[in-house]
Amino acid sequence: MTEQYIITLGREALYAILLVSAPLLGASLLVGLLVSIFQATTQIQEQTLSFIPKIVAVLVTAVIFAPWMLKILVSFTQGLYLNLPRLIGG
């Protein structure tokens, strides 16, 4: 196992993490922005107002994107298992 392989494996892991977390973070960001605009226009300054819509948006997004996210994670894990002999030096 070379340093280059470790760097490649780390890069692939970070890429998989970014792909899996992007839809959830994007939904949370979009809902947070919409709630902030709503609060600014109505002058409601309740801090807890944004939590429930964000939680609902993240849950709905997780249900919608779950098959795709699972496919990404399974393919990364399969790649790790297929390269296991290379990882342990065999």
PDB file of N, CA and C in Angstrom:
ATOM      1  N   MET A   1       0.855  -1.163   0.000  1.00  0.00           N
ATOM      2  CA  MET A   1       0.000   0.000   0.000  1.00  0.00           C
ATOM      3  C   MET A   1       0.905   1.230   0.000  1.00  0.00           C
ATOM      4  N   THR A   2       0.728   2.044  -1.009  1.00  0.00           N
ATOM      5  CA  THR A   2       1.566   3.229  -1.158  1.00  0.00           C
ATOM      6  C   THR A   2       0.848   4.464  -0.625  1.00  0.00           C
ATOM      7  N   GLU A   3       1.620   5.512  -0.503  1.00  0.00           N
ATOM      8  CA  GLU A   3       1.046   6.776  -0.040  1.00  0.00           C
ATOM      9  C   GLU A   3       0.036   7.313  -1.054  1.00  0.00           C
ATOM     10  N   GLN A   4       0.336   7.094  -2.335  1.00  0.00           N
ATOM     11  CA  GLN A   4      -0.574   7.552  -3.389  1.00  0.00           C
ATOM     12  C   GLN A   4      -1.932   6.850  -3.288  1.00  0.00           C
ATOM     13  N   TYR A   5      -1.914   5.561  -2.975  1.00  0.00           N
ATOM     14  CA  TYR A   5      -3.170   4.821  -2.838  1.00  0.00           C
ATOM     15  C   TYR A   5      -3.962   5.323  -1.631  1.00  0.00           C
ATOM     16  N   ILE A   6      -3.281   5.631  -0.542  1.00  0.00           N
ATOM     17  CA  ILE A   6      -3.962   6.156   0.646  1.00  0.00           C
ATOM     18  C   ILE A   6      -4.595   7.508   0.347  1.00  0.00           C
ATOM     19  N   ILE A   7      -3.880   8.347  -0.382  1.00  0.00           N
ATOM     20  CA  ILE A   7      -4.419   9.655  -0.752  1.00  0.00           C
ATOM     21  C   ILE A   7      -5.629   9.491  -1.669  1.00  0.00           C
ATOM     22  N   THR A   8      -5.539   8.569  -2.616  1.00  0.00           N
ATOM     23  CA  THR A   8      -6.670   8.313  -3.520  1.00  0.00           C
ATOM     24  C   THR A   8      -7.882   7.786  -2.749  1.00  0.00           C
ATOM     25  N   LEU A   9      -7.638   6.876  -1.827  1.00  0.00           N
ATOM     26  CA  LEU A   9      -8.726   6.330  -1.011  1.00  0.00           C
ATOM     27  C   LEU A   9      -9.375   7.415  -0.159  1.00  0.00           C
ATOM     28  N   GLY A  10      -8.578   8.285   0.427  1.00  0.00           N
ATOM     29  CA  GLY A  10      -9.118   9.396   1.211  1.00  0.00           C
ATOM     30  C   GLY A  10      -9.917  10.356   0.359  1.00  0.00           C
ATOM     31  N   ARG A  11      -9.420  10.637  -0.857  1.00  0.00           N
ATOM     32  CA  ARG A  11     -10.141  11.531  -1.765  1.00  0.00           C
ATOM     33  C   ARG A  11     -11.485  10.927  -2.164  1.00  0.00           C
ATOM     34  N   GLU A  12     -11.509   9.623  -2.456  1.00  0.00           N
ATOM     35  CA  GLU A  12     -12.766   8.962  -2.809  1.00  0.00           C
ATOM     36  C   GLU A  12     -13.737   8.956  -1.628  1.00  0.00           C
ATOM     37  N   ALA A  13     -13.230   8.796  -0.418  1.00  0.00           N
ATOM     38  CA  ALA A  13     -14.094   8.823   0.769  1.00  0.00           C
ATOM     39  C   ALA A  13     -14.701  10.207   0.968  1.00  0.00           C
ATOM     40  N   LEU A  14     -13.890  11.239   0.828  1.00  0.00           N
ATOM     41  CA  LEU A  14     -14.408  12.609   0.963  1.00  0.00           C
ATOM     42  C   LEU A  14     -15.426  12.931  -0.121  1.00  0.00           C
ATOM     43  N   TYR A  15     -15.161  12.450  -1.338  1.00  0.00           N
ATOM     44  CA  TYR A  15     -16.098  12.683  -2.432  1.00  0.00           C
ATOM     45  C   TYR A  15     -17.432  11.989  -2.161  1.00  0.00           C
ATOM     46  N   ALA A  16     -17.387  10.770  -1.639  1.00  0.00           N
ATOM     47  CA  ALA A  16     -18.617  10.050  -1.306  1.00  0.00           C
ATOM     48  C   ALA A  16     -19.379  10.774  -0.197  1.00  0.00           C
ATOM     49  N   ILE A  17     -18.666  11.274   0.789  1.00  0.00           N
ATOM     50  CA  ILE A  17     -19.309  12.012   1.881  1.00  0.00           C
ATOM     51  C   ILE A  17     -19.972  13.279   1.353  1.00  0.00           C
ATOM     52  N   LEU A  18     -19.289  13.994   0.469  1.00  0.00           N
ATOM     53  CA  LEU A  18     -19.867  15.209  -0.102  1.00  0.00           C
ATOM     54  C   LEU A  18     -21.108  14.900  -0.936  1.00  0.00           C
ATOM     55  N   LEU A  19     -21.045  13.836  -1.715  1.00  0.00           N
ATOM     56  CA  LEU A  19     -22.206  13.476  -2.532  1.00  0.00           C
ATOM     57  C   LEU A  19     -23.407  13.088  -1.673  1.00  0.00           C
ATOM     58  N   VAL A  20     -23.164  12.353  -0.608  1.00  0.00           N
ATOM     59  CA  VAL A  20     -24.269  11.895   0.237  1.00  0.00           C
ATOM     60  C   VAL A  20     -24.863  13.041   1.051  1.00  0.00           C
ATOM     61  N   SER A  21     -24.030  13.948   1.510  1.00  0.00           N
ATOM     62  CA  SER A  21     -24.538  15.013   2.382  1.00  0.00           C
ATOM     63  C   SER A  21     -25.063  16.227   1.617  1.00  0.00           C
ATOM     64  N   ALA A  22     -24.728  16.365   0.344  1.00  0.00           N
ATOM     65  CA  ALA A  22     -25.119  17.566  -0.410  1.00  0.00           C
ATOM     66  C   ALA A  22     -26.630  17.779  -0.494  1.00  0.00           C
ATOM     67  N   PRO A  23     -27.442  16.767  -0.807  1.00  0.00           N
ATOM     68  CA  PRO A  23     -28.886  17.040  -0.878  1.00  0.00           C
ATOM     69  C   PRO A  23     -29.481  17.483   0.462  1.00  0.00           C
ATOM     70  N   LEU A  24     -29.030  16.867   1.547  1.00  0.00           N
ATOM     71  CA  LEU A  24     -29.568  17.236   2.858  1.00  0.00           C
ATOM     72  C   LEU A  24     -29.148  18.648   3.254  1.00  0.00           C
ATOM     73  N   LEU A  25     -27.882  18.969   3.032  1.00  0.00           N
ATOM     74  CA  LEU A  25     -27.409  20.314   3.360  1.00  0.00           C
ATOM     75  C   LEU A  25     -28.052  21.363   2.462  1.00  0.00           C
ATOM     76  N   GLY A  26     -28.238  21.024   1.188  1.00  0.00           N
ATOM     77  CA  GLY A  26     -28.876  21.965   0.267  1.00  0.00           C
ATOM     78  C   GLY A  26     -30.314  22.254   0.650  1.00  0.00           C
ATOM     79  N   ALA A  27     -31.052  21.218   1.024  1.00  0.00           N
ATOM     80  CA  ALA A  27     -32.443  21.421   1.447  1.00  0.00           C
ATOM     81  C   ALA A  27     -32.517  22.262   2.714  1.00  0.00           C
ATOM     82  N   SER A  28     -31.623  21.976   3.648  1.00  0.00           N
ATOM     83  CA  SER A  28     -31.600  22.751   4.893  1.00  0.00           C
ATOM     84  C   SER A  28     -31.240  24.211   4.620  1.00  0.00           C
ATOM     85  N   LEU A  29     -30.294  24.424   3.730  1.00  0.00           N
ATOM     86  CA  LEU A  29     -29.898  25.792   3.380  1.00  0.00           C
ATOM     87  C   LEU A  29     -31.036  26.539   2.705  1.00  0.00           C
ATOM     88  N   LEU A  30     -31.712  25.890   1.779  1.00  0.00           N
ATOM     89  CA  LEU A  30     -32.802  26.536   1.060  1.00  0.00           C
ATOM     90  C   LEU A  30     -33.968  26.877   1.992  1.00  0.00           C
ATOM     91  N   VAL A  31     -34.345  25.945   2.841  1.00  0.00           N
ATOM     92  CA  VAL A  31     -35.447  26.207   3.780  1.00  0.00           C
ATOM     93  C   VAL A  31     -35.041  27.281   4.786  1.00  0.00           C
ATOM     94  N   GLY A  32     -33.814  27.243   5.261  1.00  0.00           N
ATOM     95  CA  GLY A  32     -33.346  28.276   6.181  1.00  0.00           C
ATOM     96  C   GLY A  32     -33.371  29.660   5.557  1.00  0.00           C
ATOM     97  N   LEU A  33     -32.988  29.735   4.277  1.00  0.00           N
ATOM     98  CA  LEU A  33     -33.029  31.017   3.575  1.00  0.00           C
ATOM     99  C   LEU A  33     -34.459  31.511   3.413  1.00  0.00           C
ATOM    100  N   LEU A  34     -35.364  30.611   3.048  1.00  0.00           N
ATOM    101  CA  LEU A  34     -36.766  31.008   2.886  1.00  0.00           C
ATOM    102  C   LEU A  34     -37.384  31.455   4.212  1.00  0.00           C
ATOM    103  N   VAL A  35     -37.073  30.745   5.286  1.00  0.00           N
ATOM    104  CA  VAL A  35     -37.603  31.126   6.602  1.00  0.00           C
ATOM    105  C   VAL A  35     -37.007  32.468   7.032  1.00  0.00           C
ATOM    106  N   SER A  36     -35.743  32.698   6.751  1.00  0.00           N
ATOM    107  CA  SER A  36     -35.121  33.981   7.102  1.00  0.00           C
ATOM    108  C   SER A  36     -35.752  35.131   6.337  1.00  0.00           C
ATOM    109  N   ILE A  37     -36.029  34.911   5.054  1.00  0.00           N
ATOM    110  CA  ILE A  37     -36.710  35.956   4.271  1.00  0.00           C
ATOM    111  C   ILE A  37     -38.106  36.201   4.828  1.00  0.00           C
ATOM    112  N   PHE A  38     -38.819  35.136   5.186  1.00  0.00           N
ATOM    113  CA  PHE A  38     -40.144  35.271   5.781  1.00  0.00           C
ATOM    114  C   PHE A  38     -40.076  36.043   7.095  1.00  0.00           C
ATOM    115  N   GLN A  39     -39.077  35.724   7.923  1.00  0.00           N
ATOM    116  CA  GLN A  39     -38.931  36.426   9.202  1.00  0.00           C
ATOM    117  C   GLN A  39     -38.586  37.895   8.990  1.00  0.00           C
ATOM    118  N   ALA A  40     -37.770  38.171   7.994  1.00  0.00           N
ATOM    119  CA  ALA A  40     -37.388  39.562   7.749  1.00  0.00           C
ATOM    120  C   ALA A  40     -38.564  40.381   7.224  1.00  0.00           C
ATOM    121  N   THR A  41     -39.386  39.776   6.395  1.00  0.00           N
ATOM    122  CA  THR A  41     -40.514  40.538   5.843  1.00  0.00           C
ATOM    123  C   THR A  41     -41.644  40.713   6.849  1.00  0.00           C
ATOM    124  N   THR A  42     -41.849  39.742   7.718  1.00  0.00           N
ATOM    125  CA  THR A  42     -42.927  39.860   8.696  1.00  0.00           C
ATOM    126  C   THR A  42     -42.447  40.404  10.037  1.00  0.00           C
ATOM    127  N   GLN A  43     -41.161  40.587  10.175  1.00  0.00           N
ATOM    128  CA  GLN A  43     -40.527  41.072  11.396  1.00  0.00           C
ATOM    129  C   GLN A  43     -40.817  40.182  12.598  1.00  0.00           C
ATOM    130  N   ILE A  44     -40.952  38.896  12.344  1.00  0.00           N
ATOM    131  CA  ILE A  44     -41.064  37.909  13.417  1.00  0.00           C
ATOM    132  C   ILE A  44     -39.642  37.463  13.750  1.00  0.00           C
ATOM    133  N   GLN A  45     -39.220  37.674  14.968  1.00  0.00           N
ATOM    134  CA  GLN A  45     -37.847  37.354  15.341  1.00  0.00           C
ATOM    135  C   GLN A  45     -37.778  36.156  16.289  1.00  0.00           C
ATOM    136  N   GLU A  46     -38.577  35.171  16.028  1.00  0.00           N
ATOM    137  CA  GLU A  46     -38.564  33.960  16.837  1.00  0.00           C
ATOM    138  C   GLU A  46     -37.450  33.048  16.359  1.00  0.00           C
ATOM    139  N   GLN A  47     -36.514  32.697  17.231  1.00  0.00           N
ATOM    140  CA  GLN A  47     -35.348  31.906  16.853  1.00  0.00           C
ATOM    141  C   GLN A  47     -35.694  30.447  16.589  1.00  0.00           C
ATOM    142  N   THR A  48     -36.727  29.938  17.233  1.00  0.00           N
ATOM    143  CA  THR A  48     -37.068  28.525  17.079  1.00  0.00           C
ATOM    144  C   THR A  48     -37.944  28.259  15.868  1.00  0.00           C
ATOM    145  N   LEU A  49     -38.334  29.299  15.157  1.00  0.00           N
ATOM    146  CA  LEU A  49     -39.235  29.140  14.014  1.00  0.00           C
ATOM    147  C   LEU A  49     -38.594  28.345  12.878  1.00  0.00           C
ATOM    148  N   SER A  50     -37.302  28.411  12.722  1.00  0.00           N
ATOM    149  CA  SER A  50     -36.659  27.769  11.575  1.00  0.00           C
ATOM    150  C   SER A  50     -36.363  26.292  11.797  1.00  0.00           C
ATOM    151  N   PHE A  51     -36.428  25.805  13.028  1.00  0.00           N
ATOM    152  CA  PHE A  51     -36.035  24.423  13.293  1.00  0.00           C
ATOM    153  C   PHE A  51     -36.997  23.396  12.702  1.00  0.00           C
ATOM    154  N   ILE A  52     -38.277  23.568  12.909  1.00  0.00           N
ATOM    155  CA  ILE A  52     -39.260  22.585  12.443  1.00  0.00           C
ATOM    156  C   ILE A  52     -39.284  22.488  10.914  1.00  0.00           C
ATOM    157  N   PRO A  53     -39.327  23.597  10.172  1.00  0.00           N
ATOM    158  CA  PRO A  53     -39.292  23.455   8.709  1.00  0.00           C
ATOM    159  C   PRO A  53     -37.990  22.817   8.199  1.00  0.00           C
ATOM    160  N   LYS A  54     -36.879  23.124   8.841  1.00  0.00           N
ATOM    161  CA  LYS A  54     -35.609  22.513   8.423  1.00  0.00           C
ATOM    162  C   LYS A  54     -35.611  21.014   8.684  1.00  0.00           C
ATOM    163  N   ILE A  55     -36.105  20.608   9.838  1.00  0.00           N
ATOM    164  CA  ILE A  55     -36.151  19.177  10.162  1.00  0.00           C
ATOM    165  C   ILE A  55     -37.060  18.441   9.180  1.00  0.00           C
ATOM    166  N   VAL A  56     -38.207  19.016   8.888  1.00  0.00           N
ATOM    167  CA  VAL A  56     -39.135  18.385   7.947  1.00  0.00           C
ATOM    168  C   VAL A  56     -38.510  18.316   6.552  1.00  0.00           C
ATOM    169  N   ALA A  57     -37.857  19.381   6.127  1.00  0.00           N
ATOM    170  CA  ALA A  57     -37.233  19.396   4.795  1.00  0.00           C
ATOM    171  C   ALA A  57     -36.117  18.364   4.695  1.00  0.00           C
ATOM    172  N   VAL A  58     -35.312  18.236   5.744  1.00  0.00           N
ATOM    173  CA  VAL A  58     -34.224  17.259   5.728  1.00  0.00           C
ATOM    174  C   VAL A  58     -34.785  15.837   5.721  1.00  0.00           C
ATOM    175  N   LEU A  59     -35.827  15.584   6.492  1.00  0.00           N
ATOM    176  CA  LEU A  59     -36.438  14.250   6.496  1.00  0.00           C
ATOM    177  C   LEU A  59     -37.053  13.898   5.147  1.00  0.00           C
ATOM    178  N   VAL A  60     -37.759  14.840   4.546  1.00  0.00           N
ATOM    179  CA  VAL A  60     -38.362  14.589   3.238  1.00  0.00           C
ATOM    180  C   VAL A  60     -37.275  14.371   2.185  1.00  0.00           C
ATOM    181  N   THR A  61     -36.229  15.180   2.240  1.00  0.00           N
ATOM    182  CA  THR A  61     -35.118  15.028   1.297  1.00  0.00           C
ATOM    183  C   THR A  61     -34.412  13.695   1.505  1.00  0.00           C
ATOM    184  N   ALA A  62     -34.254  13.284   2.749  1.00  0.00           N
ATOM    185  CA  ALA A  62     -33.617  11.989   3.027  1.00  0.00           C
ATOM    186  C   ALA A  62     -34.446  10.841   2.481  1.00  0.00           C
ATOM    187  N   VAL A  63     -35.762  10.933   2.584  1.00  0.00           N
ATOM    188  CA  VAL A  63     -36.626   9.880   2.048  1.00  0.00           C
ATOM    189  C   VAL A  63     -36.563   9.859   0.520  1.00  0.00           C
ATOM    190  N   ILE A  64     -36.553  11.016  -0.094  1.00  0.00           N
ATOM    191  CA  ILE A  64     -36.517  11.094  -1.557  1.00  0.00           C
ATOM    192  C   ILE A  64     -35.178  10.604  -2.105  1.00  0.00           C
ATOM    193  N   PHE A  65     -34.074  11.046  -1.501  1.00  0.00           N
ATOM    194  CA  PHE A  65     -32.748  10.733  -2.019  1.00  0.00           C
ATOM    195  C   PHE A  65     -32.112   9.497  -1.392  1.00  0.00           C
ATOM    196  N   ALA A  66     -32.818   8.795  -0.529  1.00  0.00           N
ATOM    197  CA  ALA A  66     -32.237   7.637   0.157  1.00  0.00           C
ATOM    198  C   ALA A  66     -31.748   6.551  -0.801  1.00  0.00           C
ATOM    199  N   PRO A  67     -32.484   6.177  -1.847  1.00  0.00           N
ATOM    200  CA  PRO A  67     -31.951   5.146  -2.745  1.00  0.00           C
ATOM    201  C   PRO A  67     -30.659   5.570  -3.440  1.00  0.00           C
ATOM    202  N   TRP A  68     -30.598   6.820  -3.864  1.00  0.00           N
ATOM    203  CA  TRP A  68     -29.398   7.320  -4.521  1.00  0.00           C
ATOM    204  C   TRP A  68     -28.218   7.374  -3.552  1.00  0.00           C
ATOM    205  N   MET A  69     -28.468   7.855  -2.339  1.00  0.00           N
ATOM    206  CA  MET A  69     -27.393   7.938  -1.343  1.00  0.00           C
ATOM    207  C   MET A  69     -26.909   6.544  -0.960  1.00  0.00           C
ATOM    208  N   LEU A  70     -27.826   5.602  -0.848  1.00  0.00           N
ATOM    209  CA  LEU A  70     -27.451   4.233  -0.527  1.00  0.00           C
ATOM    210  C   LEU A  70     -26.622   3.621  -1.648  1.00  0.00           C
ATOM    211  N   LYS A  71     -26.963   3.920  -2.895  1.00  0.00           N
ATOM    212  CA  LYS A  71     -26.193   3.421  -4.027  1.00  0.00           C
ATOM    213  C   LYS A  71     -24.760   3.947  -3.993  1.00  0.00           C
ATOM    214  N   ILE A  72     -24.593   5.209  -3.662  1.00  0.00           N
ATOM    215  CA  ILE A  72     -23.251   5.809  -3.564  1.00  0.00           C
ATOM    216  C   ILE A  72     -22.450   5.116  -2.460  1.00  0.00           C
ATOM    217  N   LEU A  73     -23.064   4.933  -1.306  1.00  0.00           N
ATOM    218  CA  LEU A  73     -22.354   4.316  -0.190  1.00  0.00           C
ATOM    219  C   LEU A  73     -22.042   2.846  -0.447  1.00  0.00           C
ATOM    220  N   VAL A  74     -22.962   2.131  -1.084  1.00  0.00           N
ATOM    221  CA  VAL A  74     -22.723   0.722  -1.381  1.00  0.00           C
ATOM    222  C   VAL A  74     -21.603   0.571  -2.404  1.00  0.00           C
ATOM    223  N   SER A  75     -21.585   1.423  -3.413  1.00  0.00           N
ATOM    224  CA  SER A  75     -20.518   1.314  -4.414  1.00  0.00           C
ATOM    225  C   SER A  75     -19.162   1.647  -3.806  1.00  0.00           C
ATOM    226  N   PHE A  76     -19.096   2.611  -2.904  1.00  0.00           N
ATOM    227  CA  PHE A  76     -17.832   2.924  -2.239  1.00  0.00           C
ATOM    228  C   PHE A  76     -17.386   1.757  -1.361  1.00  0.00           C
ATOM    229  N   THR A  77     -18.328   1.175  -0.626  1.00  0.00           N
ATOM    230  CA  THR A  77     -17.996   0.049   0.249  1.00  0.00           C
ATOM    231  C   THR A  77     -17.576  -1.175  -0.550  1.00  0.00           C
ATOM    232  N   GLN A  78     -18.251  -1.430  -1.664  1.00  0.00           N
ATOM    233  CA  GLN A  78     -17.855  -2.548  -2.506  1.00  0.00           C
ATOM    234  C   GLN A  78     -16.456  -2.348  -3.067  1.00  0.00           C
ATOM    235  N   GLY A  79     -16.142  -1.113  -3.433  1.00  0.00           N
ATOM    236  CA  GLY A  79     -14.792  -0.818  -3.909  1.00  0.00           C
ATOM    237  C   GLY A  79     -13.747  -1.076  -2.828  1.00  0.00           C
ATOM    238  N   LEU A  80     -14.083  -0.742  -1.598  1.00  0.00           N
ATOM    239  CA  LEU A  80     -13.162  -1.025  -0.487  1.00  0.00           C
ATOM    240  C   LEU A  80     -12.974  -2.522  -0.300  1.00  0.00           C
ATOM    241  N   TYR A  81     -14.067  -3.275  -0.320  1.00  0.00           N
ATOM    242  CA  TYR A  81     -13.973  -4.720  -0.110  1.00  0.00           C
ATOM    243  C   TYR A  81     -13.252  -5.420  -1.258  1.00  0.00           C
ATOM    244  N   LEU A  82     -13.457  -4.950  -2.477  1.00  0.00           N
ATOM    245  CA  LEU A  82     -12.766  -5.560  -3.609  1.00  0.00           C
ATOM    246  C   LEU A  82     -11.261  -5.282  -3.573  1.00  0.00           C
ATOM    247  N   ASN A  83     -10.875  -4.158  -3.007  1.00  0.00           N
ATOM    248  CA  ASN A  83      -9.460  -3.808  -2.916  1.00  0.00           C
ATOM    249  C   ASN A  83      -8.848  -4.189  -1.575  1.00  0.00           C
ATOM    250  N   LEU A  84      -9.556  -4.990  -0.783  1.00  0.00           N
ATOM    251  CA  LEU A  84      -9.053  -5.382   0.530  1.00  0.00           C
ATOM    252  C   LEU A  84      -7.719  -6.112   0.451  1.00  0.00           C
ATOM    253  N   PRO A  85      -7.512  -7.038  -0.479  1.00  0.00           N
ATOM    254  CA  PRO A  85      -6.189  -7.664  -0.554  1.00  0.00           C
ATOM    255  C   PRO A  85      -5.067  -6.665  -0.839  1.00  0.00           C
ATOM    256  N   ARG A  86      -5.378  -5.661  -1.627  1.00  0.00           N
ATOM    257  CA  ARG A  86      -4.379  -4.611  -1.906  1.00  0.00           C
ATOM    258  C   ARG A  86      -4.115  -3.763  -0.668  1.00  0.00           C
ATOM    259  N   LEU A  87      -5.140  -3.558   0.145  1.00  0.00           N
ATOM    260  CA  LEU A  87      -4.972  -2.744   1.358  1.00  0.00           C
ATOM    261  C   LEU A  87      -4.087  -3.425   2.401  1.00  0.00           C
ATOM    262  N   ILE A  88      -4.222  -4.735   2.517  1.00  0.00           N
ATOM    263  CA  ILE A  88      -3.444  -5.432   3.546  1.00  0.00           C
ATOM    264  C   ILE A  88      -2.108  -5.915   3.008  1.00  0.00           C
ATOM    265  N   GLY A  89      -1.832  -5.607   1.747  1.00  0.00           N
ATOM    266  CA  GLY A  89      -0.514  -5.904   1.195  1.00  0.00           C
ATOM    267  C   GLY A  89      -0.387  -7.272   0.571  1.00  0.00           C
ATOM    268  N   GLY A  90      -1.500  -7.919   0.294  1.00  0.00           N
ATOM    269  CA  GLY A  90      -1.442  -9.258  -0.278  1.00  0.00           C
ATOM    270  C   GLY A  90      -1.377  -9.295  -1.768  1.00  0.00           C
TER     271      GLY A  90
END
